[in-house]
Amino acid sequence: MYTIRKQFTFSASHQLLNMPDTHQCYRLHGHNYIVEVELQAEALNRYGFVRDYHDLDDLKKYIDDTLDHRHLNEVFGHDDTTAEFMSKFLYDWAKEKWPEVCAMRISETPKTWAEYRP
C-alpha cells in the first residue's frame, strides 16, 4: 500500500459552548490549526503517484476561503466545533473529490491531534 500526506494550515477562533462555562474551551479562543490529509492506493497511477499533490489545491482553497481567519461556530453553525468534528467534516469533503482519501487529521496545538479514519 502506498501512502501520501499533505499538510495545510489556517488560523481561526471558536468556542465549545457545550462545555461548562468554567472550562477554558468555553471561552472565545483561537488556534493555528494544521490539517493533514492522508491518501492511499494499492497501485500507483500512470505518473507514478498515489495522487498528484497539486490535485489537492482544492482543499487548500476551501480551507483558505471558508475556514481561515473565521469564527468556526459561525462557519459550521453549531456549538461543537471540535478538532474531532472538523476532522470528520473535512474527511467527508475531501473523500467526495478524491477516492484515495483514507484519513484526516487536525491539530490545534503542537502536542494534540484529532484524526478521523473510517
PDB file of N, CA and C in Angstrom:
ATOM      1  N   MET A   1       0.847  -1.179   0.000  1.00  0.00           N
ATOM      2  CA  MET A   1       0.000   0.000   0.000  1.00  0.00           C
ATOM      3  C   MET A   1       0.889   1.238   0.000  1.00  0.00           C
ATOM      4  N   TYR A   2       0.569   2.173  -0.872  1.00  0.00           N
ATOM      5  CA  TYR A   2       1.273   3.453  -0.924  1.00  0.00           C
ATOM      6  C   TYR A   2       0.479   4.486  -0.147  1.00  0.00           C
ATOM      7  N   THR A   3       1.180   5.332   0.594  1.00  0.00           N
ATOM      8  CA  THR A   3       0.530   6.367   1.390  1.00  0.00           C
ATOM      9  C   THR A   3       1.219   7.698   1.162  1.00  0.00           C
ATOM     10  N   ILE A   4       0.418   8.748   0.960  1.00  0.00           N
ATOM     11  CA  ILE A   4       0.949  10.103   0.906  1.00  0.00           C
ATOM     12  C   ILE A   4       0.154  10.964   1.885  1.00  0.00           C
ATOM     13  N   ARG A   5       0.766  12.059   2.307  1.00  0.00           N
ATOM     14  CA  ARG A   5       0.110  13.009   3.200  1.00  0.00           C
ATOM     15  C   ARG A   5       0.490  14.422   2.762  1.00  0.00           C
ATOM     16  N   LYS A   6      -0.423  15.331   2.999  1.00  0.00           N
ATOM     17  CA  LYS A   6      -0.125  16.741   2.751  1.00  0.00           C
ATOM     18  C   LYS A   6      -0.749  17.565   3.860  1.00  0.00           C
ATOM     19  N   GLN A   7      -0.002  18.594   4.302  1.00  0.00           N
ATOM     20  CA  GLN A   7      -0.471  19.457   5.376  1.00  0.00           C
ATOM     21  C   GLN A   7      -0.869  20.822   4.846  1.00  0.00           C
ATOM     22  N   PHE A   8      -1.857  21.392   5.539  1.00  0.00           N
ATOM     23  CA  PHE A   8      -2.337  22.736   5.273  1.00  0.00           C
ATOM     24  C   PHE A   8      -2.491  23.430   6.626  1.00  0.00           C
ATOM     25  N   THR A   9      -2.490  24.742   6.635  1.00  0.00           N
ATOM     26  CA  THR A   9      -2.646  25.470   7.896  1.00  0.00           C
ATOM     27  C   THR A   9      -3.696  26.555   7.747  1.00  0.00           C
ATOM     28  N   PHE A  10      -4.303  26.877   8.880  1.00  0.00           N
ATOM     29  CA  PHE A  10      -5.197  28.025   8.943  1.00  0.00           C
ATOM     30  C   PHE A  10      -5.307  28.474  10.397  1.00  0.00           C
ATOM     31  N   SER A  11      -5.741  29.702  10.578  1.00  0.00           N
ATOM     32  CA  SER A  11      -5.968  30.263  11.906  1.00  0.00           C
ATOM     33  C   SER A  11      -7.441  30.621  12.018  1.00  0.00           C
ATOM     34  N   ALA A  12      -8.027  30.288  13.166  1.00  0.00           N
ATOM     35  CA  ALA A  12      -9.448  30.560  13.355  1.00  0.00           C
ATOM     36  C   ALA A  12      -9.781  30.566  14.841  1.00  0.00           C
ATOM     37  N   SER A  13     -10.938  31.143  15.152  1.00  0.00           N
ATOM     38  CA  SER A  13     -11.432  31.147  16.526  1.00  0.00           C
ATOM     39  C   SER A  13     -12.604  30.189  16.646  1.00  0.00           C
ATOM     40  N   HIS A  14     -12.896  29.795  17.876  1.00  0.00           N
ATOM     41  CA  HIS A  14     -14.091  29.014  18.166  1.00  0.00           C
ATOM     42  C   HIS A  14     -14.350  29.050  19.660  1.00  0.00           C
ATOM     43  N   GLN A  15     -15.516  28.554  20.023  1.00  0.00           N
ATOM     44  CA  GLN A  15     -15.904  28.351  21.415  1.00  0.00           C
ATOM     45  C   GLN A  15     -16.597  27.007  21.486  1.00  0.00           C
ATOM     46  N   LEU A  16     -16.307  26.249  22.513  1.00  0.00           N
ATOM     47  CA  LEU A  16     -17.002  24.976  22.729  1.00  0.00           C
ATOM     48  C   LEU A  16     -18.115  25.239  23.735  1.00  0.00           C
ATOM     49  N   LEU A  17     -19.241  25.690  23.219  1.00  0.00           N
ATOM     50  CA  LEU A  17     -20.335  26.170  24.058  1.00  0.00           C
ATOM     51  C   LEU A  17     -21.116  25.061  24.737  1.00  0.00           C
ATOM     52  N   ASN A  18     -20.840  23.805  24.407  1.00  0.00           N
ATOM     53  CA  ASN A  18     -21.467  22.683  25.115  1.00  0.00           C
ATOM     54  C   ASN A  18     -20.697  22.319  26.387  1.00  0.00           C
ATOM     55  N   MET A  19     -19.531  22.913  26.564  1.00  0.00           N
ATOM     56  CA  MET A  19     -18.731  22.671  27.763  1.00  0.00           C
ATOM     57  C   MET A  19     -19.278  23.531  28.916  1.00  0.00           C
ATOM     58  N   PRO A  20     -18.964  23.165  30.154  1.00  0.00           N
ATOM     59  CA  PRO A  20     -19.344  24.037  31.278  1.00  0.00           C
ATOM     60  C   PRO A  20     -18.700  25.410  31.103  1.00  0.00           C
ATOM     61  N   ASP A  21     -19.381  26.450  31.530  1.00  0.00           N
ATOM     62  CA  ASP A  21     -18.851  27.804  31.318  1.00  0.00           C
ATOM     63  C   ASP A  21     -17.575  28.073  32.116  1.00  0.00           C
ATOM     64  N   THR A  22     -17.197  27.154  32.990  1.00  0.00           N
ATOM     65  CA  THR A  22     -15.939  27.277  33.726  1.00  0.00           C
ATOM     66  C   THR A  22     -14.761  26.644  32.973  1.00  0.00           C
ATOM     67  N   HIS A  23     -15.035  25.917  31.905  1.00  0.00           N
ATOM     68  CA  HIS A  23     -13.981  25.253  31.124  1.00  0.00           C
ATOM     69  C   HIS A  23     -13.305  26.273  30.217  1.00  0.00           C
ATOM     70  N   GLN A  24     -11.983  26.192  30.105  1.00  0.00           N
ATOM     71  CA  GLN A  24     -11.238  27.162  29.297  1.00  0.00           C
ATOM     72  C   GLN A  24     -11.669  27.184  27.841  1.00  0.00           C
ATOM     73  N   CYS A  25     -12.119  26.050  27.306  1.00  0.00           N
ATOM     74  CA  CYS A  25     -12.520  25.997  25.898  1.00  0.00           C
ATOM     75  C   CYS A  25     -13.908  26.587  25.653  1.00  0.00           C
ATOM     76  N   TYR A  26     -14.633  26.860  26.729  1.00  0.00           N
ATOM     77  CA  TYR A  26     -15.920  27.532  26.593  1.00  0.00           C
ATOM     78  C   TYR A  26     -15.713  28.978  26.136  1.00  0.00           C
ATOM     79  N   ARG A  27     -14.628  29.565  26.618  1.00  0.00           N
ATOM     80  CA  ARG A  27     -14.339  30.962  26.273  1.00  0.00           C
ATOM     81  C   ARG A  27     -13.895  31.068  24.814  1.00  0.00           C
ATOM     82  N   LEU A  28     -14.161  32.216  24.234  1.00  0.00           N
ATOM     83  CA  LEU A  28     -13.702  32.504  22.877  1.00  0.00           C
ATOM     84  C   LEU A  28     -12.175  32.408  22.844  1.00  0.00           C
ATOM     85  N   HIS A  29     -11.646  31.624  21.914  1.00  0.00           N
ATOM     86  CA  HIS A  29     -10.205  31.476  21.782  1.00  0.00           C
ATOM     87  C   HIS A  29      -9.882  31.041  20.357  1.00  0.00           C
ATOM     88  N   GLY A  30      -8.622  31.031  20.018  1.00  0.00           N
ATOM     89  CA  GLY A  30      -8.218  30.681  18.664  1.00  0.00           C
ATOM     90  C   GLY A  30      -7.060  29.718  18.639  1.00  0.00           C
ATOM     91  N   HIS A  31      -6.855  29.149  17.467  1.00  0.00           N
ATOM     92  CA  HIS A  31      -5.766  28.201  17.247  1.00  0.00           C
ATOM     93  C   HIS A  31      -5.126  28.464  15.893  1.00  0.00           C
ATOM     94  N   ASN A  32      -3.891  28.039  15.764  1.00  0.00           N
ATOM     95  CA  ASN A  32      -3.223  27.915  14.472  1.00  0.00           C
ATOM     96  C   ASN A  32      -3.302  26.440  14.107  1.00  0.00           C
ATOM     97  N   TYR A  33      -4.312  26.095  13.327  1.00  0.00           N
ATOM     98  CA  TYR A  33      -4.610  24.702  13.012  1.00  0.00           C
ATOM     99  C   TYR A  33      -3.665  24.152  11.947  1.00  0.00           C
ATOM    100  N   ILE A  34      -3.387  22.861  12.058  1.00  0.00           N
ATOM    101  CA  ILE A  34      -2.721  22.111  10.996  1.00  0.00           C
ATOM    102  C   ILE A  34      -3.700  21.029  10.562  1.00  0.00           C
ATOM    103  N   VAL A  35      -3.935  20.956   9.265  1.00  0.00           N
ATOM    104  CA  VAL A  35      -4.789  19.932   8.673  1.00  0.00           C
ATOM    105  C   VAL A  35      -3.881  19.014   7.874  1.00  0.00           C
ATOM    106  N   GLU A  36      -4.034  17.718   8.079  1.00  0.00           N
ATOM    107  CA  GLU A  36      -3.230  16.751   7.325  1.00  0.00           C
ATOM    108  C   GLU A  36      -4.162  15.737   6.684  1.00  0.00           C
ATOM    109  N   VAL A  37      -4.128  15.682   5.369  1.00  0.00           N
ATOM    110  CA  VAL A  37      -4.928  14.707   4.633  1.00  0.00           C
ATOM    111  C   VAL A  37      -4.015  13.543   4.246  1.00  0.00           C
ATOM    112  N   GLU A  38      -4.540  12.332   4.367  1.00  0.00           N
ATOM    113  CA  GLU A  38      -3.791  11.122   4.021  1.00  0.00           C
ATOM    114  C   GLU A  38      -4.535  10.388   2.908  1.00  0.00           C
ATOM    115  N   LEU A  39      -3.786   9.944   1.912  1.00  0.00           N
ATOM    116  CA  LEU A  39      -4.358   9.204   0.792  1.00  0.00           C
ATOM    117  C   LEU A  39      -3.582   7.911   0.607  1.00  0.00           C
ATOM    118  N   GLN A  40      -4.279   6.857   0.200  1.00  0.00           N
ATOM    119  CA  GLN A  40      -3.637   5.557  -0.019  1.00  0.00           C
ATOM    120  C   GLN A  40      -4.125   4.927  -1.317  1.00  0.00           C
ATOM    121  N   ALA A  41      -3.239   4.132  -1.906  1.00  0.00           N
ATOM    122  CA  ALA A  41      -3.598   3.357  -3.090  1.00  0.00           C
ATOM    123  C   ALA A  41      -2.734   2.102  -3.131  1.00  0.00           C
ATOM    124  N   GLU A  42      -3.313   1.041  -3.621  1.00  0.00           N
ATOM    125  CA  GLU A  42      -2.550  -0.206  -3.764  1.00  0.00           C
ATOM    126  C   GLU A  42      -1.628  -0.164  -4.964  1.00  0.00           C
ATOM    127  N   ALA A  43      -1.981   0.667  -5.944  1.00  0.00           N
ATOM    128  CA  ALA A  43      -1.151   0.805  -7.147  1.00  0.00           C
ATOM    129  C   ALA A  43      -0.997   2.286  -7.461  1.00  0.00           C
ATOM    130  N   LEU A  44       0.092   2.617  -8.099  1.00  0.00           N
ATOM    131  CA  LEU A  44       0.338   3.997  -8.493  1.00  0.00           C
ATOM    132  C   LEU A  44      -0.340   4.289  -9.825  1.00  0.00           C
ATOM    133  N   ASN A  45      -0.677   5.547 -10.056  1.00  0.00           N
ATOM    134  CA  ASN A  45      -1.293   5.920 -11.332  1.00  0.00           C
ATOM    135  C   ASN A  45      -0.234   5.948 -12.431  1.00  0.00           C
ATOM    136  N   ARG A  46      -0.628   6.324 -13.620  1.00  0.00           N
ATOM    137  CA  ARG A  46       0.288   6.260 -14.770  1.00  0.00           C
ATOM    138  C   ARG A  46       1.483   7.200 -14.645  1.00  0.00           C
ATOM    139  N   TYR A  47       1.403   8.143 -13.715  1.00  0.00           N
ATOM    140  CA  TYR A  47       2.506   9.076 -13.482  1.00  0.00           C
ATOM    141  C   TYR A  47       3.402   8.644 -12.323  1.00  0.00           C
ATOM    142  N   GLY A  48       3.047   7.537 -11.680  1.00  0.00           N
ATOM    143  CA  GLY A  48       3.831   7.058 -10.553  1.00  0.00           C
ATOM    144  C   GLY A  48       3.420   7.661  -9.222  1.00  0.00           C
ATOM    145  N   PHE A  49       2.206   8.214  -9.156  1.00  0.00           N
ATOM    146  CA  PHE A  49       1.692   8.859  -7.955  1.00  0.00           C
ATOM    147  C   PHE A  49       0.515   8.087  -7.372  1.00  0.00           C
ATOM    148  N   VAL A  50       0.305   8.238  -6.060  1.00  0.00           N
ATOM    149  CA  VAL A  50      -0.995   7.901  -5.476  1.00  0.00           C
ATOM    150  C   VAL A  50      -1.993   8.928  -5.995  1.00  0.00           C
ATOM    151  N   ARG A  51      -1.605  10.194  -5.893  1.00  0.00           N
ATOM    152  CA  ARG A  51      -2.382  11.335  -6.389  1.00  0.00           C
ATOM    153  C   ARG A  51      -1.397  12.486  -6.494  1.00  0.00           C
ATOM    154  N   ASP A  52      -1.461  13.262  -7.554  1.00  0.00           N
ATOM    155  CA  ASP A  52      -0.592  14.426  -7.701  1.00  0.00           C
ATOM    156  C   ASP A  52      -0.907  15.414  -6.575  1.00  0.00           C
ATOM    157  N   TYR A  53       0.104  15.860  -5.850  1.00  0.00           N
ATOM    158  CA  TYR A  53      -0.113  16.799  -4.757  1.00  0.00           C
ATOM    159  C   TYR A  53      -0.840  18.065  -5.227  1.00  0.00           C
ATOM    160  N   HIS A  54      -0.609  18.465  -6.462  1.00  0.00           N
ATOM    161  CA  HIS A  54      -1.286  19.660  -6.977  1.00  0.00           C
ATOM    162  C   HIS A  54      -2.794  19.468  -7.063  1.00  0.00           C
ATOM    163  N   ASP A  55      -3.248  18.231  -7.194  1.00  0.00           N
ATOM    164  CA  ASP A  55      -4.695  17.968  -7.202  1.00  0.00           C
ATOM    165  C   ASP A  55      -5.342  18.413  -5.902  1.00  0.00           C
ATOM    166  N   LEU A  56      -4.572  18.432  -4.825  1.00  0.00           N
ATOM    167  CA  LEU A  56      -5.106  18.763  -3.508  1.00  0.00           C
ATOM    168  C   LEU A  56      -5.221  20.270  -3.268  1.00  0.00           C
ATOM    169  N   ASP A  57      -4.891  21.066  -4.280  1.00  0.00           N
ATOM    170  CA  ASP A  57      -5.009  22.519  -4.157  1.00  0.00           C
ATOM    171  C   ASP A  57      -6.447  22.949  -3.859  1.00  0.00           C
ATOM    172  N   ASP A  58      -7.434  22.154  -4.282  1.00  0.00           N
ATOM    173  CA  ASP A  58      -8.832  22.482  -3.973  1.00  0.00           C
ATOM    174  C   ASP A  58      -9.080  22.470  -2.464  1.00  0.00           C
ATOM    175  N   LEU A  59      -8.409  21.578  -1.742  1.00  0.00           N
ATOM    176  CA  LEU A  59      -8.554  21.553  -0.294  1.00  0.00           C
ATOM    177  C   LEU A  59      -7.946  22.815   0.311  1.00  0.00           C
ATOM    178  N   LYS A  60      -6.792  23.217  -0.170  1.00  0.00           N
ATOM    179  CA  LYS A  60      -6.180  24.461   0.306  1.00  0.00           C
ATOM    180  C   LYS A  60      -7.104  25.645   0.040  1.00  0.00           C
ATOM    181  N   LYS A  61      -7.676  25.703  -1.143  1.00  0.00           N
ATOM    182  CA  LYS A  61      -8.582  26.803  -1.480  1.00  0.00           C
ATOM    183  C   LYS A  61      -9.799  26.788  -0.561  1.00  0.00           C
ATOM    184  N   TYR A  62     -10.371  25.616  -0.307  1.00  0.00           N
ATOM    185  CA  TYR A  62     -11.529  25.523   0.583  1.00  0.00           C
ATOM    186  C   TYR A  62     -11.170  26.008   1.987  1.00  0.00           C
ATOM    187  N   ILE A  63     -10.038  25.550   2.494  1.00  0.00           N
ATOM    188  CA  ILE A  63      -9.601  25.956   3.828  1.00  0.00           C
ATOM    189  C   ILE A  63      -9.376  27.463   3.876  1.00  0.00           C
ATOM    190  N   ASP A  64      -8.670  27.991   2.887  1.00  0.00           N
ATOM    191  CA  ASP A  64      -8.373  29.430   2.862  1.00  0.00           C
ATOM    192  C   ASP A  64      -9.643  30.271   2.742  1.00  0.00           C
ATOM    193  N   ASP A  65     -10.557  29.852   1.882  1.00  0.00           N
ATOM    194  CA  ASP A  65     -11.757  30.645   1.615  1.00  0.00           C
ATOM    195  C   ASP A  65     -12.842  30.493   2.675  1.00  0.00           C
ATOM    196  N   THR A  66     -12.888  29.338   3.345  1.00  0.00           N
ATOM    197  CA  THR A  66     -14.011  29.035   4.227  1.00  0.00           C
ATOM    198  C   THR A  66     -13.646  29.059   5.706  1.00  0.00           C
ATOM    199  N   LEU A  67     -12.439  28.633   6.056  1.00  0.00           N
ATOM    200  CA  LEU A  67     -12.079  28.463   7.459  1.00  0.00           C
ATOM    201  C   LEU A  67     -11.084  29.495   7.981  1.00  0.00           C
ATOM    202  N   ASP A  68     -10.152  29.908   7.158  1.00  0.00           N
ATOM    203  CA  ASP A  68      -9.057  30.751   7.630  1.00  0.00           C
ATOM    204  C   ASP A  68      -9.553  32.120   8.114  1.00  0.00           C
ATOM    205  N   HIS A  69      -9.115  32.483   9.311  1.00  0.00           N
ATOM    206  CA  HIS A  69      -9.468  33.757   9.948  1.00  0.00           C
ATOM    207  C   HIS A  69     -10.979  33.954  10.042  1.00  0.00           C
ATOM    208  N   ARG A  70     -11.659  32.867  10.417  1.00  0.00           N
ATOM    209  CA  ARG A  70     -13.115  32.889  10.635  1.00  0.00           C
ATOM    210  C   ARG A  70     -13.406  32.420  12.056  1.00  0.00           C
ATOM    211  N   HIS A  71     -14.651  32.645  12.473  1.00  0.00           N
ATOM    212  CA  HIS A  71     -15.142  32.097  13.735  1.00  0.00           C
ATOM    213  C   HIS A  71     -15.866  30.795  13.374  1.00  0.00           C
ATOM    214  N   LEU A  72     -15.303  29.668  13.765  1.00  0.00           N
ATOM    215  CA  LEU A  72     -15.772  28.367  13.296  1.00  0.00           C
ATOM    216  C   LEU A  72     -17.195  28.038  13.739  1.00  0.00           C
ATOM    217  N   ASN A  73     -17.630  28.562  14.863  1.00  0.00           N
ATOM    218  CA  ASN A  73     -19.017  28.347  15.271  1.00  0.00           C
ATOM    219  C   ASN A  73     -19.970  28.924  14.227  1.00  0.00           C
ATOM    220  N   GLU A  74     -19.615  30.064  13.654  1.00  0.00           N
ATOM    221  CA  GLU A  74     -20.444  30.662  12.608  1.00  0.00           C
ATOM    222  C   GLU A  74     -20.326  29.886  11.297  1.00  0.00           C
ATOM    223  N   VAL A  75     -19.131  29.439  10.950  1.00  0.00           N
ATOM    224  CA  VAL A  75     -18.931  28.679   9.712  1.00  0.00           C
ATOM    225  C   VAL A  75     -19.769  27.410   9.719  1.00  0.00           C
ATOM    226  N   PHE A  76     -19.708  26.656  10.821  1.00  0.00           N
ATOM    227  CA  PHE A  76     -20.388  25.369  10.880  1.00  0.00           C
ATOM    228  C   PHE A  76     -21.804  25.461  11.438  1.00  0.00           C
ATOM    229  N   GLY A  77     -22.132  26.579  12.071  1.00  0.00           N
ATOM    230  CA  GLY A  77     -23.481  26.794  12.543  1.00  0.00           C
ATOM    231  C   GLY A  77     -23.882  25.997  13.765  1.00  0.00           C
ATOM    232  N   HIS A  78     -22.912  25.614  14.589  1.00  0.00           N
ATOM    233  CA  HIS A  78     -23.241  24.922  15.841  1.00  0.00           C
ATOM    234  C   HIS A  78     -22.131  25.073  16.862  1.00  0.00           C
ATOM    235  N   ASP A  79     -22.341  24.466  18.038  1.00  0.00           N
ATOM    236  CA  ASP A  79     -21.507  24.734  19.203  1.00  0.00           C
ATOM    237  C   ASP A  79     -20.412  23.712  19.470  1.00  0.00           C
ATOM    238  N   ASP A  80     -20.293  22.688  18.663  1.00  0.00           N
ATOM    239  CA  ASP A  80     -19.278  21.657  18.944  1.00  0.00           C
ATOM    240  C   ASP A  80     -18.231  21.614  17.830  1.00  0.00           C
ATOM    241  N   THR A  81     -17.549  22.726  17.634  1.00  0.00           N
ATOM    242  CA  THR A  81     -16.539  22.844  16.592  1.00  0.00           C
ATOM    243  C   THR A  81     -15.200  22.294  17.067  1.00  0.00           C
ATOM    244  N   THR A  82     -15.215  21.048  17.501  1.00  0.00           N
ATOM    245  CA  THR A  82     -14.012  20.390  17.996  1.00  0.00           C
ATOM    246  C   THR A  82     -13.122  19.957  16.843  1.00  0.00           C
ATOM    247  N   ALA A  83     -11.891  19.660  17.151  1.00  0.00           N
ATOM    248  CA  ALA A  83     -10.979  19.109  16.135  1.00  0.00           C
ATOM    249  C   ALA A  83     -11.513  17.779  15.618  1.00  0.00           C
ATOM    250  N   GLU A  84     -12.145  17.006  16.492  1.00  0.00           N
ATOM    251  CA  GLU A  84     -12.727  15.729  16.068  1.00  0.00           C
ATOM    252  C   GLU A  84     -13.837  15.957  15.034  1.00  0.00           C
ATOM    253  N   PHE A  85     -14.700  16.917  15.306  1.00  0.00           N
ATOM    254  CA  PHE A  85     -15.763  17.246  14.360  1.00  0.00           C
ATOM    255  C   PHE A  85     -15.180  17.688  13.027  1.00  0.00           C
ATOM    256  N   MET A  86     -14.199  18.594  13.083  1.00  0.00           N
ATOM    257  CA  MET A  86     -13.629  19.122  11.845  1.00  0.00           C
ATOM    258  C   MET A  86     -12.877  18.064  11.053  1.00  0.00           C
ATOM    259  N   SER A  87     -12.229  17.125  11.738  1.00  0.00           N
ATOM    260  CA  SER A  87     -11.524  16.067  11.002  1.00  0.00           C
ATOM    261  C   SER A  87     -12.513  15.223  10.192  1.00  0.00           C
ATOM    262  N   LYS A  88     -13.660  14.910  10.752  1.00  0.00           N
ATOM    263  CA  LYS A  88     -14.689  14.154  10.020  1.00  0.00           C
ATOM    264  C   LYS A  88     -15.292  14.999   8.906  1.00  0.00           C
ATOM    265  N   PHE A  89     -15.590  16.256   9.194  1.00  0.00           N
ATOM    266  CA  PHE A  89     -16.163  17.144   8.194  1.00  0.00           C
ATOM    267  C   PHE A  89     -15.236  17.264   6.980  1.00  0.00           C
ATOM    268  N   LEU A  90     -13.955  17.537   7.227  1.00  0.00           N
ATOM    269  CA  LEU A  90     -13.007  17.695   6.123  1.00  0.00           C
ATOM    270  C   LEU A  90     -12.723  16.369   5.427  1.00  0.00           C
ATOM    271  N   TYR A  91     -12.754  15.266   6.177  1.00  0.00           N
ATOM    272  CA  TYR A  91     -12.620  13.950   5.546  1.00  0.00           C
ATOM    273  C   TYR A  91     -13.749  13.758   4.526  1.00  0.00           C
ATOM    274  N   ASP A  92     -14.980  13.992   4.942  1.00  0.00           N
ATOM    275  CA  ASP A  92     -16.120  13.812   4.039  1.00  0.00           C
ATOM    276  C   ASP A  92     -16.009  14.718   2.820  1.00  0.00           C
ATOM    277  N   TRP A  93     -15.602  15.958   3.034  1.00  0.00           N
ATOM    278  CA  TRP A  93     -15.445  16.912   1.932  1.00  0.00           C
ATOM    279  C   TRP A  93     -14.408  16.402   0.930  1.00  0.00           C
ATOM    280  N   ALA A  94     -13.266  15.956   1.433  1.00  0.00           N
ATOM    281  CA  ALA A  94     -12.179  15.510   0.566  1.00  0.00           C
ATOM    282  C   ALA A  94     -12.481  14.173  -0.097  1.00  0.00           C
ATOM    283  N   LYS A  95     -13.121  13.269   0.617  1.00  0.00           N
ATOM    284  CA  LYS A  95     -13.411  11.929   0.088  1.00  0.00           C
ATOM    285  C   LYS A  95     -14.311  12.007  -1.144  1.00  0.00           C
ATOM    286  N   GLU A  96     -15.199  12.982  -1.181  1.00  0.00           N
ATOM    287  CA  GLU A  96     -16.053  13.170  -2.360  1.00  0.00           C
ATOM    288  C   GLU A  96     -15.239  13.523  -3.594  1.00  0.00           C
ATOM    289  N   LYS A  97     -14.123  14.190  -3.411  1.00  0.00           N
ATOM    290  CA  LYS A  97     -13.287  14.613  -4.535  1.00  0.00           C
ATOM    291  C   LYS A  97     -12.240  13.579  -4.926  1.00  0.00           C
ATOM    292  N   TRP A  98     -11.675  12.915  -3.917  1.00  0.00           N
ATOM    293  CA  TRP A  98     -10.550  12.016  -4.165  1.00  0.00           C
ATOM    294  C   TRP A  98     -10.794  10.686  -3.452  1.00  0.00           C
ATOM    295  N   PRO A  99     -11.088   9.648  -4.178  1.00  0.00           N
ATOM    296  CA  PRO A  99     -11.409   8.364  -3.538  1.00  0.00           C
ATOM    297  C   PRO A  99     -10.257   7.769  -2.739  1.00  0.00           C
ATOM    298  N   GLU A 100      -9.039   8.215  -2.967  1.00  0.00           N
ATOM    299  CA  GLU A 100      -7.880   7.686  -2.251  1.00  0.00           C
ATOM    300  C   GLU A 100      -7.782   8.201  -0.816  1.00  0.00           C
ATOM    301  N   VAL A 101      -8.572   9.195  -0.461  1.00  0.00           N
ATOM    302  CA  VAL A 101      -8.512   9.758   0.896  1.00  0.00           C
ATOM    303  C   VAL A 101      -8.881   8.670   1.896  1.00  0.00           C
ATOM    304  N   CYS A 102      -8.030   8.488   2.912  1.00  0.00           N
ATOM    305  CA  CYS A 102      -8.283   7.449   3.918  1.00  0.00           C
ATOM    306  C   CYS A 102      -8.288   7.991   5.339  1.00  0.00           C
ATOM    307  N   ALA A 103      -7.817   9.232   5.539  1.00  0.00           N
ATOM    308  CA  ALA A 103      -7.808   9.804   6.888  1.00  0.00           C
ATOM    309  C   ALA A 103      -7.621  11.309   6.803  1.00  0.00           C
ATOM    310  N   MET A 104      -8.083  11.967   7.873  1.00  0.00           N
ATOM    311  CA  MET A 104      -7.896  13.407   8.003  1.00  0.00           C
ATOM    312  C   MET A 104      -7.515  13.672   9.451  1.00  0.00           C
ATOM    313  N   ARG A 105      -6.469  14.480   9.653  1.00  0.00           N
ATOM    314  CA  ARG A 105      -6.016  14.834  10.998  1.00  0.00           C
ATOM    315  C   ARG A 105      -6.049  16.346  11.156  1.00  0.00           C
ATOM    316  N   ILE A 106      -6.384  16.780  12.370  1.00  0.00           N
ATOM    317  CA  ILE A 106      -6.410  18.202  12.699  1.00  0.00           C
ATOM    318  C   ILE A 106      -5.632  18.396  13.999  1.00  0.00           C
ATOM    319  N   SER A 107      -4.741  19.374  13.997  1.00  0.00           N
ATOM    320  CA  SER A 107      -4.000  19.739  15.199  1.00  0.00           C
ATOM    321  C   SER A 107      -4.387  21.146  15.598  1.00  0.00           C
ATOM    322  N   GLU A 108      -4.678  21.324  16.890  1.00  0.00           N
ATOM    323  CA  GLU A 108      -4.932  22.655  17.437  1.00  0.00           C
ATOM    324  C   GLU A 108      -3.691  23.217  18.122  1.00  0.00           C
ATOM    325  N   THR A 109      -2.854  22.337  18.620  1.00  0.00           N
ATOM    326  CA  THR A 109      -1.626  22.734  19.298  1.00  0.00           C
ATOM    327  C   THR A 109      -0.520  21.789  18.848  1.00  0.00           C
ATOM    328  N   PRO A 110       0.735  22.137  19.078  1.00  0.00           N
ATOM    329  CA  PRO A 110       1.829  21.258  18.642  1.00  0.00           C
ATOM    330  C   PRO A 110       1.791  19.850  19.257  1.00  0.00           C
ATOM    331  N   LYS A 111       1.064  19.677  20.363  1.00  0.00           N
ATOM    332  CA  LYS A 111       1.076  18.380  21.019  1.00  0.00           C
ATOM    333  C   LYS A 111      -0.243  17.622  20.923  1.00  0.00           C
ATOM    334  N   THR A 112      -1.232  18.166  20.184  1.00  0.00           N
ATOM    335  CA  THR A 112      -2.535  17.494  20.123  1.00  0.00           C
ATOM    336  C   THR A 112      -2.991  17.294  18.689  1.00  0.00           C
ATOM    337  N   TRP A 113      -3.561  16.123  18.432  1.00  0.00           N
ATOM    338  CA  TRP A 113      -4.104  15.775  17.122  1.00  0.00           C
ATOM    339  C   TRP A 113      -5.423  15.035  17.320  1.00  0.00           C
ATOM    340  N   ALA A 114      -6.365  15.304  16.403  1.00  0.00           N
ATOM    341  CA  ALA A 114      -7.588  14.509  16.306  1.00  0.00           C
ATOM    342  C   ALA A 114      -7.606  13.946  14.894  1.00  0.00           C
ATOM    343  N   GLU A 115      -7.981  12.690  14.781  1.00  0.00           N
ATOM    344  CA  GLU A 115      -7.969  12.027  13.475  1.00  0.00           C
ATOM    345  C   GLU A 115      -9.308  11.342  13.215  1.00  0.00           C
ATOM    346  N   TYR A 116      -9.766  11.458  11.968  1.00  0.00           N
ATOM    347  CA  TYR A 116     -10.906  10.650  11.523  1.00  0.00           C
ATOM    348  C   TYR A 116     -10.391   9.677  10.478  1.00  0.00           C
ATOM    349  N   ARG A 117     -10.630   8.399  10.708  1.00  0.00           N
ATOM    350  CA  ARG A 117     -10.217   7.338   9.793  1.00  0.00           C
ATOM    351  C   ARG A 117     -11.313   6.269   9.868  1.00  0.00           C
ATOM    352  N   PRO A 118     -12.081   6.128   8.798  1.00  0.00           N
ATOM    353  CA  PRO A 118     -13.169   5.118   8.871  1.00  0.00           C
ATOM    354  C   PRO A 118     -12.652   3.687   8.980  1.00  0.00           C
TER     355      PRO A 118
END
